[in-house]
N, C-alpha and C. Protein backbone atom coordinates (compact mmCIF):
# COMPACT_ATOMS: atom_id res chain seq x y z
N MET A 1 191.21 32.28 -25.63
CA MET A 1 190.64 31.13 -26.29
C MET A 1 189.72 30.39 -25.31
N VAL A 2 188.61 29.91 -25.79
CA VAL A 2 187.65 29.19 -24.97
C VAL A 2 188.00 27.71 -25.00
N SER A 3 187.99 27.09 -23.83
CA SER A 3 188.34 25.67 -23.76
C SER A 3 187.22 24.80 -24.31
N ALA A 4 187.58 23.58 -24.68
CA ALA A 4 186.59 22.63 -25.19
C ALA A 4 185.57 22.27 -24.11
N THR A 5 186.03 22.23 -22.87
CA THR A 5 185.12 21.93 -21.75
C THR A 5 184.07 23.02 -21.61
N ALA A 6 184.48 24.27 -21.74
CA ALA A 6 183.53 25.38 -21.63
C ALA A 6 182.50 25.33 -22.76
N VAL A 7 182.95 25.02 -23.95
CA VAL A 7 182.04 24.92 -25.09
C VAL A 7 181.04 23.79 -24.87
N ARG A 8 181.52 22.66 -24.41
CA ARG A 8 180.65 21.51 -24.15
C ARG A 8 179.64 21.84 -23.05
N ARG A 9 180.11 22.47 -21.98
CA ARG A 9 179.22 22.83 -20.88
C ARG A 9 178.15 23.81 -21.36
N PHE A 10 178.54 24.79 -22.16
CA PHE A 10 177.59 25.76 -22.69
C PHE A 10 176.53 25.07 -23.54
N GLY A 11 176.93 24.08 -24.33
CA GLY A 11 175.99 23.34 -25.16
C GLY A 11 174.96 22.59 -24.34
N TYR A 12 175.39 22.00 -23.25
CA TYR A 12 174.46 21.25 -22.41
C TYR A 12 173.55 22.18 -21.61
N VAL A 13 174.05 23.35 -21.23
CA VAL A 13 173.20 24.33 -20.56
C VAL A 13 172.13 24.83 -21.54
N GLY A 14 172.51 25.04 -22.78
CA GLY A 14 171.55 25.44 -23.81
C GLY A 14 170.48 24.39 -24.03
N ALA A 15 170.88 23.13 -23.99
CA ALA A 15 169.91 22.04 -24.14
C ALA A 15 168.94 22.03 -22.97
N ALA A 16 169.44 22.29 -21.78
CA ALA A 16 168.56 22.33 -20.61
C ALA A 16 167.56 23.48 -20.72
N ALA A 17 168.02 24.64 -21.15
CA ALA A 17 167.12 25.79 -21.32
C ALA A 17 166.12 25.54 -22.45
N ASN A 18 166.54 24.82 -23.47
CA ASN A 18 165.67 24.53 -24.61
C ASN A 18 164.51 23.63 -24.22
N TRP A 19 164.62 22.91 -23.11
CA TRP A 19 163.54 22.03 -22.65
C TRP A 19 162.29 22.82 -22.27
N LEU A 20 162.40 24.12 -22.09
CA LEU A 20 161.22 24.91 -21.73
C LEU A 20 160.18 24.90 -22.85
N ILE A 21 160.62 24.80 -24.10
CA ILE A 21 159.68 24.79 -25.23
C ILE A 21 158.81 23.53 -25.22
N PRO A 22 159.39 22.31 -25.20
CA PRO A 22 158.51 21.13 -25.17
C PRO A 22 157.75 20.99 -23.86
N LEU A 23 158.32 21.44 -22.74
CA LEU A 23 157.58 21.37 -21.48
C LEU A 23 156.32 22.23 -21.53
N ALA A 24 156.44 23.43 -22.08
CA ALA A 24 155.26 24.29 -22.23
C ALA A 24 154.24 23.65 -23.16
N ALA A 25 154.71 23.03 -24.23
CA ALA A 25 153.79 22.37 -25.18
C ALA A 25 153.10 21.18 -24.53
N ILE A 26 153.83 20.43 -23.71
CA ILE A 26 153.24 19.28 -23.02
C ILE A 26 152.16 19.74 -22.05
N VAL A 27 152.42 20.82 -21.33
CA VAL A 27 151.43 21.36 -20.39
C VAL A 27 150.21 21.87 -21.14
N ASN A 28 150.41 22.53 -22.28
CA ASN A 28 149.31 23.10 -23.05
C ASN A 28 148.51 22.08 -23.84
N LEU A 29 149.11 20.94 -24.15
CA LEU A 29 148.44 19.97 -25.02
C LEU A 29 147.06 19.56 -24.50
N PRO A 30 146.92 19.14 -23.24
CA PRO A 30 145.58 18.73 -22.79
C PRO A 30 144.69 19.88 -22.35
N THR A 31 145.25 21.06 -22.11
CA THR A 31 144.46 22.14 -21.52
C THR A 31 144.02 23.20 -22.52
N ARG A 32 144.76 23.41 -23.57
CA ARG A 32 144.45 24.48 -24.52
C ARG A 32 143.31 24.05 -25.44
N LYS A 33 142.35 24.95 -25.64
CA LYS A 33 141.25 24.68 -26.57
C LYS A 33 141.78 24.70 -28.00
N PRO A 34 141.26 23.83 -28.87
CA PRO A 34 141.72 23.82 -30.26
C PRO A 34 141.58 25.18 -30.95
N SER A 35 140.59 25.96 -30.57
CA SER A 35 140.42 27.28 -31.19
C SER A 35 141.53 28.25 -30.80
N GLU A 36 142.24 27.97 -29.71
CA GLU A 36 143.33 28.84 -29.25
C GLU A 36 144.69 28.46 -29.83
N ILE A 37 144.76 27.34 -30.54
CA ILE A 37 146.03 26.86 -31.08
C ILE A 37 146.34 27.62 -32.36
N ASP A 38 147.53 28.18 -32.44
CA ASP A 38 147.98 28.90 -33.63
C ASP A 38 148.75 27.91 -34.51
N PRO A 39 148.18 27.47 -35.63
CA PRO A 39 148.86 26.47 -36.44
C PRO A 39 150.17 26.98 -37.04
N LEU A 40 150.28 28.27 -37.32
CA LEU A 40 151.52 28.81 -37.87
C LEU A 40 152.66 28.71 -36.85
N MET A 41 152.40 29.16 -35.62
CA MET A 41 153.44 29.10 -34.59
C MET A 41 153.78 27.66 -34.24
N THR A 42 152.79 26.81 -34.17
CA THR A 42 153.03 25.40 -33.88
C THR A 42 153.86 24.77 -34.98
N GLY A 43 153.56 25.10 -36.22
CA GLY A 43 154.35 24.59 -37.35
C GLY A 43 155.78 25.09 -37.34
N VAL A 44 155.96 26.36 -36.99
CA VAL A 44 157.32 26.93 -36.91
C VAL A 44 158.12 26.23 -35.82
N LEU A 45 157.52 26.03 -34.66
CA LEU A 45 158.22 25.35 -33.56
C LEU A 45 158.56 23.91 -33.93
N GLY A 46 157.66 23.24 -34.62
CA GLY A 46 157.93 21.87 -35.06
C GLY A 46 159.03 21.82 -36.10
N THR A 47 159.01 22.76 -37.04
CA THR A 47 160.06 22.81 -38.08
C THR A 47 161.41 23.13 -37.47
N TYR A 48 161.44 24.06 -36.55
CA TYR A 48 162.67 24.42 -35.83
C TYR A 48 163.28 23.19 -35.18
N SER A 49 162.46 22.42 -34.49
CA SER A 49 162.97 21.23 -33.82
C SER A 49 163.35 20.14 -34.82
N ALA A 50 162.64 20.04 -35.92
CA ALA A 50 162.99 19.04 -36.93
C ALA A 50 164.37 19.31 -37.51
N VAL A 51 164.71 20.58 -37.70
CA VAL A 51 166.04 20.93 -38.21
C VAL A 51 167.11 20.62 -37.17
N PHE A 52 166.87 21.03 -35.94
CA PHE A 52 167.90 20.89 -34.91
C PHE A 52 167.99 19.50 -34.31
N VAL A 53 166.99 18.65 -34.53
CA VAL A 53 167.11 17.27 -34.07
C VAL A 53 168.24 16.57 -34.83
N ARG A 54 168.37 16.86 -36.09
CA ARG A 54 169.46 16.30 -36.90
C ARG A 54 170.80 16.95 -36.54
N TRP A 55 170.78 18.26 -36.37
CA TRP A 55 172.01 18.99 -36.06
C TRP A 55 172.61 18.55 -34.73
N SER A 56 171.77 18.25 -33.75
CA SER A 56 172.26 17.88 -32.42
C SER A 56 173.06 16.58 -32.44
N ILE A 57 172.83 15.73 -33.44
CA ILE A 57 173.60 14.49 -33.58
C ILE A 57 174.79 14.70 -34.52
N ALA A 58 174.67 15.60 -35.46
CA ALA A 58 175.73 15.82 -36.46
C ALA A 58 176.95 16.52 -35.87
N ILE A 59 176.77 17.29 -34.80
CA ILE A 59 177.90 18.00 -34.22
C ILE A 59 178.81 17.03 -33.47
N SER A 60 180.01 17.49 -33.18
CA SER A 60 180.95 16.65 -32.44
C SER A 60 181.36 17.37 -31.17
N PRO A 61 181.13 16.80 -30.03
CA PRO A 61 180.48 15.53 -29.74
C PRO A 61 178.96 15.67 -29.88
N PRO A 62 178.29 14.57 -30.18
CA PRO A 62 176.82 14.63 -30.30
C PRO A 62 176.20 15.10 -28.98
N ASN A 63 175.18 15.93 -29.09
CA ASN A 63 174.51 16.47 -27.91
C ASN A 63 173.19 15.72 -27.74
N TYR A 64 173.25 14.60 -27.01
CA TYR A 64 172.08 13.74 -26.86
C TYR A 64 170.94 14.39 -26.06
N PRO A 65 171.22 15.18 -25.02
CA PRO A 65 170.10 15.87 -24.36
C PRO A 65 169.36 16.82 -25.30
N LEU A 66 170.10 17.52 -26.16
CA LEU A 66 169.46 18.41 -27.12
C LEU A 66 168.67 17.61 -28.16
N PHE A 67 169.20 16.47 -28.58
CA PHE A 67 168.48 15.59 -29.50
C PHE A 67 167.14 15.16 -28.90
N LEU A 68 167.17 14.72 -27.65
CA LEU A 68 165.95 14.27 -26.99
C LEU A 68 164.96 15.42 -26.84
N CYS A 69 165.46 16.60 -26.54
CA CYS A 69 164.61 17.78 -26.41
C CYS A 69 163.88 18.07 -27.72
N HIS A 70 164.62 18.11 -28.82
CA HIS A 70 164.00 18.44 -30.11
C HIS A 70 163.11 17.30 -30.62
N ALA A 71 163.48 16.06 -30.37
CA ALA A 71 162.62 14.95 -30.76
C ALA A 71 161.29 15.02 -30.01
N THR A 72 161.37 15.30 -28.71
CA THR A 72 160.15 15.45 -27.91
C THR A 72 159.29 16.60 -28.43
N ASN A 73 159.93 17.72 -28.74
CA ASN A 73 159.18 18.87 -29.23
C ASN A 73 158.52 18.58 -30.58
N CYS A 74 159.20 17.86 -31.46
CA CYS A 74 158.60 17.49 -32.75
C CYS A 74 157.32 16.69 -32.55
N VAL A 75 157.38 15.72 -31.65
CA VAL A 75 156.21 14.86 -31.40
C VAL A 75 155.07 15.67 -30.78
N VAL A 76 155.38 16.50 -29.80
CA VAL A 76 154.34 17.27 -29.13
C VAL A 76 153.72 18.31 -30.07
N GLN A 77 154.53 18.96 -30.88
CA GLN A 77 153.99 19.95 -31.83
C GLN A 77 153.13 19.26 -32.88
N ALA A 78 153.54 18.08 -33.33
CA ALA A 78 152.72 17.33 -34.29
C ALA A 78 151.39 16.93 -33.66
N ALA A 79 151.42 16.49 -32.41
CA ALA A 79 150.19 16.13 -31.71
C ALA A 79 149.28 17.35 -31.55
N THR A 80 149.88 18.50 -31.32
CA THR A 80 149.10 19.73 -31.19
C THR A 80 148.44 20.09 -32.52
N LEU A 81 149.17 19.94 -33.62
CA LEU A 81 148.58 20.22 -34.94
C LEU A 81 147.45 19.25 -35.26
N VAL A 82 147.62 17.99 -34.89
CA VAL A 82 146.56 17.00 -35.11
C VAL A 82 145.34 17.39 -34.28
N ARG A 83 145.56 17.80 -33.06
CA ARG A 83 144.46 18.21 -32.19
C ARG A 83 143.72 19.42 -32.79
N LYS A 84 144.46 20.34 -33.39
CA LYS A 84 143.84 21.51 -34.03
C LYS A 84 143.02 21.08 -35.25
N ALA A 85 143.53 20.11 -36.00
CA ALA A 85 142.87 19.67 -37.23
C ALA A 85 141.61 18.86 -36.95
N VAL A 86 141.58 18.17 -35.84
CA VAL A 86 140.44 17.29 -35.54
C VAL A 86 139.33 18.00 -34.87
């Protein structure tokens, strides 16, 4: 049987690894040309984070680092889509 501590630790490690998605988006936001932005992939990444931003709070115990990660990714992906549209 896996202990509750191990499950909690695994969740927080996953949240830390998940930060690579918004960090890459933040780095690409000012440097990527609008013609290079794939709106489908950007939309999928934004939708993925929109779903899991709610899930990260609904679980017990709430995973606040994961919440912050997905909230950040939602904002950055939306900004990227706006940049593509403009």
